[in-house]
Amino acid sequence: MKVTVCIGSSCHLKGSRQVVEEFQYLIAENDLKDKVELGGTFCMGNCQKGVCVTVDDKLYSVSPDTAKSFFEENVISKLK
């Protein structure tokens, strides 16, 4: 599963660094290093909705506050 987080300036200001760090922690905590490819990219063209995240090319809007629940719902639950 490929998870990509926008690290462009607009998303960065909205907390993309915290989202990436939370995802990295959850990947390690749940032993998903072999199942989840976490990457970053610059502008996804949806700046007003940032932090933009794609999971297997489907676009979502995530905030640092929702990163954990988002990851559990859209990544972990789909891998089980």
PDB file of N, CA and C in Angstrom:
ATOM      1  N   MET A   1       0.855  -1.177   0.000  1.00  0.00           N
ATOM      2  CA  MET A   1       0.000   0.000   0.000  1.00  0.00           C
ATOM      3  C   MET A   1       0.896   1.233   0.000  1.00  0.00           C
ATOM      4  N   LYS A   2       0.564   2.179  -0.861  1.00  0.00           N
ATOM      5  CA  LYS A   2       1.359   3.399  -0.975  1.00  0.00           C
ATOM      6  C   LYS A   2       0.615   4.566  -0.332  1.00  0.00           C
ATOM      7  N   VAL A   3       1.268   5.222   0.626  1.00  0.00           N
ATOM      8  CA  VAL A   3       0.713   6.390   1.310  1.00  0.00           C
ATOM      9  C   VAL A   3       1.651   7.557   1.032  1.00  0.00           C
ATOM     10  N   THR A   4       1.086   8.632   0.463  1.00  0.00           N
ATOM     11  CA  THR A   4       1.889   9.800   0.115  1.00  0.00           C
ATOM     12  C   THR A   4       1.325  11.027   0.811  1.00  0.00           C
ATOM     13  N   VAL A   5       2.200  11.794   1.432  1.00  0.00           N
ATOM     14  CA  VAL A   5       1.806  13.011   2.145  1.00  0.00           C
ATOM     15  C   VAL A   5       2.391  14.205   1.416  1.00  0.00           C
ATOM     16  N   CYS A   6       1.564  15.226   1.176  1.00  0.00           N
ATOM     17  CA  CYS A   6       2.048  16.457   0.563  1.00  0.00           C
ATOM     18  C   CYS A   6       2.905  17.212   1.572  1.00  0.00           C
ATOM     19  N   ILE A   7       4.081  17.627   1.128  1.00  0.00           N
ATOM     20  CA  ILE A   7       4.964  18.416   1.989  1.00  0.00           C
ATOM     21  C   ILE A   7       5.228  19.789   1.370  1.00  0.00           C
ATOM     22  N   GLY A   8       4.342  20.194   0.459  1.00  0.00           N
ATOM     23  CA  GLY A   8       4.442  21.527  -0.133  1.00  0.00           C
ATOM     24  C   GLY A   8       4.180  22.594   0.915  1.00  0.00           C
ATOM     25  N   SER A   9       4.416  23.853   0.569  1.00  0.00           N
ATOM     26  CA  SER A   9       4.373  24.928   1.561  1.00  0.00           C
ATOM     27  C   SER A   9       3.024  25.074   2.254  1.00  0.00           C
ATOM     28  N   SER A  10       1.921  24.983   1.527  1.00  0.00           N
ATOM     29  CA  SER A  10       0.608  25.141   2.148  1.00  0.00           C
ATOM     30  C   SER A  10       0.329  24.009   3.136  1.00  0.00           C
ATOM     31  N   CYS A  11       0.583  22.780   2.711  1.00  0.00           N
ATOM     32  CA  CYS A  11       0.357  21.636   3.604  1.00  0.00           C
ATOM     33  C   CYS A  11       1.356  21.633   4.762  1.00  0.00           C
ATOM     34  N   HIS A  12       2.570  22.086   4.494  1.00  0.00           N
ATOM     35  CA  HIS A  12       3.572  22.179   5.568  1.00  0.00           C
ATOM     36  C   HIS A  12       3.060  23.104   6.681  1.00  0.00           C
ATOM     37  N   LEU A  13       2.485  24.230   6.283  1.00  0.00           N
ATOM     38  CA  LEU A  13       1.962  25.180   7.264  1.00  0.00           C
ATOM     39  C   LEU A  13       0.777  24.607   8.037  1.00  0.00           C
ATOM     40  N   LYS A  14       0.083  23.651   7.436  1.00  0.00           N
ATOM     41  CA  LYS A  14      -1.082  23.037   8.083  1.00  0.00           C
ATOM     42  C   LYS A  14      -0.720  21.797   8.882  1.00  0.00           C
ATOM     43  N   GLY A  15       0.587  21.443   8.918  1.00  0.00           N
ATOM     44  CA  GLY A  15       1.027  20.367   9.797  1.00  0.00           C
ATOM     45  C   GLY A  15       1.455  19.076   9.125  1.00  0.00           C
ATOM     46  N   SER A  16       1.884  19.135   7.875  1.00  0.00           N
ATOM     47  CA  SER A  16       2.266  17.893   7.193  1.00  0.00           C
ATOM     48  C   SER A  16       3.414  17.174   7.905  1.00  0.00           C
ATOM     49  N   ARG A  17       4.311  17.915   8.522  1.00  0.00           N
ATOM     50  CA  ARG A  17       5.427  17.283   9.233  1.00  0.00           C
ATOM     51  C   ARG A  17       4.912  16.402  10.369  1.00  0.00           C
ATOM     52  N   GLN A  18       3.954  16.911  11.127  1.00  0.00           N
ATOM     53  CA  GLN A  18       3.377  16.138  12.225  1.00  0.00           C
ATOM     54  C   GLN A  18       2.630  14.915  11.701  1.00  0.00           C
ATOM     55  N   VAL A  19       1.941  15.062  10.570  1.00  0.00           N
ATOM     56  CA  VAL A  19       1.223  13.939   9.966  1.00  0.00           C
ATOM     57  C   VAL A  19       2.218  12.852   9.559  1.00  0.00           C
ATOM     58  N   VAL A  20       3.308  13.244   8.899  1.00  0.00           N
ATOM     59  CA  VAL A  20       4.337  12.283   8.485  1.00  0.00           C
ATOM     60  C   VAL A  20       4.916  11.580   9.716  1.00  0.00           C
ATOM     61  N   GLU A  21       5.230  12.332  10.753  1.00  0.00           N
ATOM     62  CA  GLU A  21       5.805  11.735  11.957  1.00  0.00           C
ATOM     63  C   GLU A  21       4.842  10.755  12.615  1.00  0.00           C
ATOM     64  N   GLU A  22       3.566  11.096  12.653  1.00  0.00           N
ATOM     65  CA  GLU A  22       2.556  10.198  13.229  1.00  0.00           C
ATOM     66  C   GLU A  22       2.446   8.920  12.403  1.00  0.00           C
ATOM     67  N   PHE A  23       2.429   9.062  11.071  1.00  0.00           N
ATOM     68  CA  PHE A  23       2.356   7.888  10.196  1.00  0.00           C
ATOM     69  C   PHE A  23       3.590   7.006  10.379  1.00  0.00           C
ATOM     70  N   GLN A  24       4.774   7.621  10.471  1.00  0.00           N
ATOM     71  CA  GLN A  24       6.000   6.847  10.674  1.00  0.00           C
ATOM     72  C   GLN A  24       5.921   6.055  11.985  1.00  0.00           C
ATOM     73  N   TYR A  25       5.442   6.703  13.024  1.00  0.00           N
ATOM     74  CA  TYR A  25       5.294   6.048  14.320  1.00  0.00           C
ATOM     75  C   TYR A  25       4.320   4.873  14.222  1.00  0.00           C
ATOM     76  N   LEU A  26       3.159   5.088  13.583  1.00  0.00           N
ATOM     77  CA  LEU A  26       2.139   4.045  13.486  1.00  0.00           C
ATOM     78  C   LEU A  26       2.596   2.877  12.615  1.00  0.00           C
ATOM     79  N   ILE A  27       3.355   3.166  11.571  1.00  0.00           N
ATOM     80  CA  ILE A  27       3.904   2.099  10.728  1.00  0.00           C
ATOM     81  C   ILE A  27       4.843   1.227  11.564  1.00  0.00           C
ATOM     82  N   ALA A  28       5.713   1.855  12.338  1.00  0.00           N
ATOM     83  CA  ALA A  28       6.656   1.108  13.185  1.00  0.00           C
ATOM     84  C   ALA A  28       5.918   0.355  14.295  1.00  0.00           C
ATOM     85  N   GLU A  29       4.987   1.039  14.960  1.00  0.00           N
ATOM     86  CA  GLU A  29       4.258   0.444  16.078  1.00  0.00           C
ATOM     87  C   GLU A  29       3.456  -0.790  15.659  1.00  0.00           C
ATOM     88  N   ASN A  30       2.922  -0.759  14.437  1.00  0.00           N
ATOM     89  CA  ASN A  30       2.087  -1.855  13.946  1.00  0.00           C
ATOM     90  C   ASN A  30       2.851  -2.825  13.038  1.00  0.00           C
ATOM     91  N   ASP A  31       4.173  -2.668  12.991  1.00  0.00           N
ATOM     92  CA  ASP A  31       5.043  -3.542  12.204  1.00  0.00           C
ATOM     93  C   ASP A  31       4.580  -3.648  10.742  1.00  0.00           C
ATOM     94  N   LEU A  32       4.395  -2.482  10.113  1.00  0.00           N
ATOM     95  CA  LEU A  32       3.881  -2.429   8.736  1.00  0.00           C
ATOM     96  C   LEU A  32       4.933  -1.998   7.724  1.00  0.00           C
ATOM     97  N   LYS A  33       6.208  -2.028   8.109  1.00  0.00           N
ATOM     98  CA  LYS A  33       7.260  -1.552   7.206  1.00  0.00           C
ATOM     99  C   LYS A  33       7.274  -2.295   5.874  1.00  0.00           C
ATOM    100  N   ASP A  34       6.902  -3.571   5.893  1.00  0.00           N
ATOM    101  CA  ASP A  34       6.893  -4.357   4.663  1.00  0.00           C
ATOM    102  C   ASP A  34       5.607  -4.183   3.856  1.00  0.00           C
ATOM    103  N   LYS A  35       4.589  -3.559   4.472  1.00  0.00           N
ATOM    104  CA  LYS A  35       3.284  -3.460   3.814  1.00  0.00           C
ATOM    105  C   LYS A  35       2.912  -2.045   3.386  1.00  0.00           C
ATOM    106  N   VAL A  36       3.525  -1.036   4.014  1.00  0.00           N
ATOM    107  CA  VAL A  36       3.178   0.356   3.725  1.00  0.00           C
ATOM    108  C   VAL A  36       4.413   1.103   3.235  1.00  0.00           C
ATOM    109  N   GLU A  37       4.276   1.718   2.075  1.00  0.00           N
ATOM    110  CA  GLU A  37       5.334   2.566   1.527  1.00  0.00           C
ATOM    111  C   GLU A  37       4.913   4.012   1.765  1.00  0.00           C
ATOM    112  N   LEU A  38       5.610   4.700   2.663  1.00  0.00           N
ATOM    113  CA  LEU A  38       5.293   6.085   2.999  1.00  0.00           C
ATOM    114  C   LEU A  38       6.207   7.007   2.207  1.00  0.00           C
ATOM    115  N   GLY A  39       5.606   7.947   1.511  1.00  0.00           N
ATOM    116  CA  GLY A  39       6.396   8.878   0.712  1.00  0.00           C
ATOM    117  C   GLY A  39       5.878  10.294   0.857  1.00  0.00           C
ATOM    118  N   GLY A  40       6.645  11.223   0.318  1.00  0.00           N
ATOM    119  CA  GLY A  40       6.251  12.624   0.328  1.00  0.00           C
ATOM    120  C   GLY A  40       6.292  13.165  -1.086  1.00  0.00           C
ATOM    121  N   THR A  41       5.532  14.209  -1.314  1.00  0.00           N
ATOM    122  CA  THR A  41       5.522  14.847  -2.619  1.00  0.00           C
ATOM    123  C   THR A  41       5.206  16.319  -2.425  1.00  0.00           C
ATOM    124  N   PHE A  42       5.529  17.105  -3.422  1.00  0.00           N
ATOM    125  CA  PHE A  42       5.146  18.508  -3.370  1.00  0.00           C
ATOM    126  C   PHE A  42       3.757  18.658  -3.969  1.00  0.00           C
ATOM    127  N   CYS A  43       3.243  19.822  -4.000  1.00  0.00           N
ATOM    128  CA  CYS A  43       1.848  20.159  -4.260  1.00  0.00           C
ATOM    129  C   CYS A  43       1.039  19.120  -5.044  1.00  0.00           C
ATOM    130  N   MET A  44      -0.082  18.744  -4.442  1.00  0.00           N
ATOM    131  CA  MET A  44      -1.036  17.830  -5.068  1.00  0.00           C
ATOM    132  C   MET A  44      -2.181  18.612  -5.721  1.00  0.00           C
ATOM    133  N   GLY A  45      -2.090  19.948  -5.686  1.00  0.00           N
ATOM    134  CA  GLY A  45      -3.087  20.784  -6.348  1.00  0.00           C
ATOM    135  C   GLY A  45      -4.394  20.937  -5.595  1.00  0.00           C
ATOM    136  N   ASN A  46      -4.398  20.648  -4.322  1.00  0.00           N
ATOM    137  CA  ASN A  46      -5.621  20.742  -3.526  1.00  0.00           C
ATOM    138  C   ASN A  46      -5.328  21.493  -2.229  1.00  0.00           C
ATOM    139  N   CYS A  47      -4.585  22.595  -2.377  1.00  0.00           N
ATOM    140  CA  CYS A  47      -4.015  23.313  -1.228  1.00  0.00           C
ATOM    141  C   CYS A  47      -5.041  23.721  -0.180  1.00  0.00           C
ATOM    142  N   GLN A  48      -6.225  24.131  -0.602  1.00  0.00           N
ATOM    143  CA  GLN A  48      -7.220  24.608   0.356  1.00  0.00           C
ATOM    144  C   GLN A  48      -7.688  23.513   1.299  1.00  0.00           C
ATOM    145  N   LYS A  49      -7.488  22.248   0.938  1.00  0.00           N
ATOM    146  CA  LYS A  49      -7.961  21.146   1.769  1.00  0.00           C
ATOM    147  C   LYS A  49      -6.850  20.460   2.553  1.00  0.00           C
ATOM    148  N   GLY A  50      -5.606  20.945   2.460  1.00  0.00           N
ATOM    149  CA  GLY A  50      -4.466  20.275   3.084  1.00  0.00           C
ATOM    150  C   GLY A  50      -4.675  19.939   4.535  1.00  0.00           C
ATOM    151  N   VAL A  51      -3.939  19.064   5.076  1.00  0.00           N
ATOM    152  CA  VAL A  51      -2.796  18.331   4.556  1.00  0.00           C
ATOM    153  C   VAL A  51      -3.316  17.234   3.616  1.00  0.00           C
ATOM    154  N   CYS A  52      -2.858  17.255   2.377  1.00  0.00           N
ATOM    155  CA  CYS A  52      -3.298  16.273   1.397  1.00  0.00           C
ATOM    156  C   CYS A  52      -2.520  14.971   1.560  1.00  0.00           C
ATOM    157  N   VAL A  53      -3.270  13.875   1.550  1.00  0.00           N
ATOM    158  CA  VAL A  53      -2.680  12.542   1.673  1.00  0.00           C
ATOM    159  C   VAL A  53      -3.353  11.651   0.648  1.00  0.00           C
ATOM    160  N   THR A  54      -2.569  10.831  -0.042  1.00  0.00           N
ATOM    161  CA  THR A  54      -3.173   9.828  -0.908  1.00  0.00           C
ATOM    162  C   THR A  54      -2.853   8.444  -0.357  1.00  0.00           C
ATOM    163  N   VAL A  55      -3.836   7.575  -0.447  1.00  0.00           N
ATOM    164  CA  VAL A  55      -3.670   6.164  -0.112  1.00  0.00           C
ATOM    165  C   VAL A  55      -4.036   5.412  -1.375  1.00  0.00           C
ATOM    166  N   ASP A  56      -3.051   4.767  -1.984  1.00  0.00           N
ATOM    167  CA  ASP A  56      -3.241   4.097  -3.272  1.00  0.00           C
ATOM    168  C   ASP A  56      -3.973   5.003  -4.264  1.00  0.00           C
ATOM    169  N   ASP A  57      -3.481   6.236  -4.382  1.00  0.00           N
ATOM    170  CA  ASP A  57      -3.958   7.244  -5.335  1.00  0.00           C
ATOM    171  C   ASP A  57      -5.331   7.839  -5.041  1.00  0.00           C
ATOM    172  N   LYS A  58      -5.953   7.543  -3.910  1.00  0.00           N
ATOM    173  CA  LYS A  58      -7.204   8.195  -3.521  1.00  0.00           C
ATOM    174  C   LYS A  58      -6.853   9.338  -2.581  1.00  0.00           C
ATOM    175  N   LEU A  59      -7.356  10.542  -2.877  1.00  0.00           N
ATOM    176  CA  LEU A  59      -6.990  11.757  -2.151  1.00  0.00           C
ATOM    177  C   LEU A  59      -7.850  11.967  -0.903  1.00  0.00           C
ATOM    178  N   TYR A  60      -7.185  12.322   0.184  1.00  0.00           N
ATOM    179  CA  TYR A  60      -7.850  12.621   1.455  1.00  0.00           C
ATOM    180  C   TYR A  60      -7.279  13.914   2.022  1.00  0.00           C
ATOM    181  N   SER A  61      -8.016  14.500   2.959  1.00  0.00           N
ATOM    182  CA  SER A  61      -7.533  15.654   3.704  1.00  0.00           C
ATOM    183  C   SER A  61      -7.369  15.222   5.154  1.00  0.00           C
ATOM    184  N   VAL A  62      -6.163  15.423   5.690  1.00  0.00           N
ATOM    185  CA  VAL A  62      -5.832  14.964   7.041  1.00  0.00           C
ATOM    186  C   VAL A  62      -5.225  16.125   7.813  1.00  0.00           C
ATOM    187  N   SER A  63      -5.449  16.163   9.103  1.00  0.00           N
ATOM    188  CA  SER A  63      -4.796  17.155   9.951  1.00  0.00           C
ATOM    189  C   SER A  63      -3.981  16.403  10.998  1.00  0.00           C
ATOM    190  N   PRO A  64      -3.065  17.090  11.676  1.00  0.00           N
ATOM    191  CA  PRO A  64      -2.318  16.411  12.742  1.00  0.00           C
ATOM    192  C   PRO A  64      -3.250  15.785  13.791  1.00  0.00           C
ATOM    193  N   ASP A  65      -4.396  16.432  14.036  1.00  0.00           N
ATOM    194  CA  ASP A  65      -5.346  15.917  15.030  1.00  0.00           C
ATOM    195  C   ASP A  65      -6.053  14.652  14.579  1.00  0.00           C
ATOM    196  N   THR A  66      -6.223  14.478  13.267  1.00  0.00           N
ATOM    197  CA  THR A  66      -6.956  13.319  12.756  1.00  0.00           C
ATOM    198  C   THR A  66      -6.041  12.245  12.176  1.00  0.00           C
ATOM    199  N   ALA A  67      -4.718  12.469  12.216  1.00  0.00           N
ATOM    200  CA  ALA A  67      -3.776  11.556  11.554  1.00  0.00           C
ATOM    201  C   ALA A  67      -3.878  10.127  12.077  1.00  0.00           C
ATOM    202  N   LYS A  68      -3.954   9.954  13.387  1.00  0.00           N
ATOM    203  CA  LYS A  68      -3.997   8.596  13.947  1.00  0.00           C
ATOM    204  C   LYS A  68      -5.279   7.877  13.545  1.00  0.00           C
ATOM    205  N   SER A  69      -6.430   8.506  13.722  1.00  0.00           N
ATOM    206  CA  SER A  69      -7.693   7.842  13.370  1.00  0.00           C
ATOM    207  C   SER A  69      -7.779   7.599  11.861  1.00  0.00           C
ATOM    208  N   PHE A  70      -7.281   8.544  11.064  1.00  0.00           N
ATOM    209  CA  PHE A  70      -7.251   8.360   9.610  1.00  0.00           C
ATOM    210  C   PHE A  70      -6.435   7.127   9.247  1.00  0.00           C
ATOM    211  N   PHE A  71      -5.244   7.004   9.831  1.00  0.00           N
ATOM    212  CA  PHE A  71      -4.351   5.894   9.512  1.00  0.00           C
ATOM    213  C   PHE A  71      -4.988   4.570   9.909  1.00  0.00           C
ATOM    214  N   GLU A  72      -5.616   4.546  11.085  1.00  0.00           N
ATOM    215  CA  GLU A  72      -6.277   3.314  11.540  1.00  0.00           C
ATOM    216  C   GLU A  72      -7.414   2.919  10.600  1.00  0.00           C
ATOM    217  N   GLU A  73      -8.228   3.896  10.154  1.00  0.00           N
ATOM    218  CA  GLU A  73      -9.378   3.621   9.305  1.00  0.00           C
ATOM    219  C   GLU A  73      -9.004   3.304   7.857  1.00  0.00           C
ATOM    220  N   ASN A  74      -8.045   4.041   7.318  1.00  0.00           N
ATOM    221  CA  ASN A  74      -7.772   3.949   5.889  1.00  0.00           C
ATOM    222  C   ASN A  74      -6.540   3.134   5.509  1.00  0.00           C
ATOM    223  N   VAL A  75      -5.739   2.760   6.490  1.00  0.00           N
ATOM    224  CA  VAL A  75      -4.555   1.949   6.195  1.00  0.00           C
ATOM    225  C   VAL A  75      -4.614   0.624   6.949  1.00  0.00           C
ATOM    226  N   ILE A  76      -4.593   0.695   8.268  1.00  0.00           N
ATOM    227  CA  ILE A  76      -4.544  -0.535   9.064  1.00  0.00           C
ATOM    228  C   ILE A  76      -5.744  -1.437   8.798  1.00  0.00           C
ATOM    229  N   SER A  77      -6.954  -0.855   8.794  1.00  0.00           N
ATOM    230  CA  SER A  77      -8.149  -1.697   8.609  1.00  0.00           C
ATOM    231  C   SER A  77      -8.175  -2.364   7.231  1.00  0.00           C
ATOM    232  N   LYS A  78      -7.589  -1.724   6.227  1.00  0.00           N
ATOM    233  CA  LYS A  78      -7.568  -2.298   4.877  1.00  0.00           C
ATOM    234  C   LYS A  78      -6.489  -3.359   4.700  1.00  0.00           C
ATOM    235  N   LEU A  79      -5.523  -3.392   5.596  1.00  0.00           N
ATOM    236  CA  LEU A  79      -4.450  -4.373   5.517  1.00  0.00           C
ATOM    237  C   LEU A  79      -4.774  -5.660   6.275  1.00  0.00           C
ATOM    238  N   LYS A  80      -5.813  -5.635   7.073  1.00  0.00           N
ATOM    239  CA  LYS A  80      -6.144  -6.808   7.878  1.00  0.00           C
ATOM    240  C   LYS A  80      -7.137  -7.711   7.172  1.00  0.00           C
TER     241      LYS A  80
END
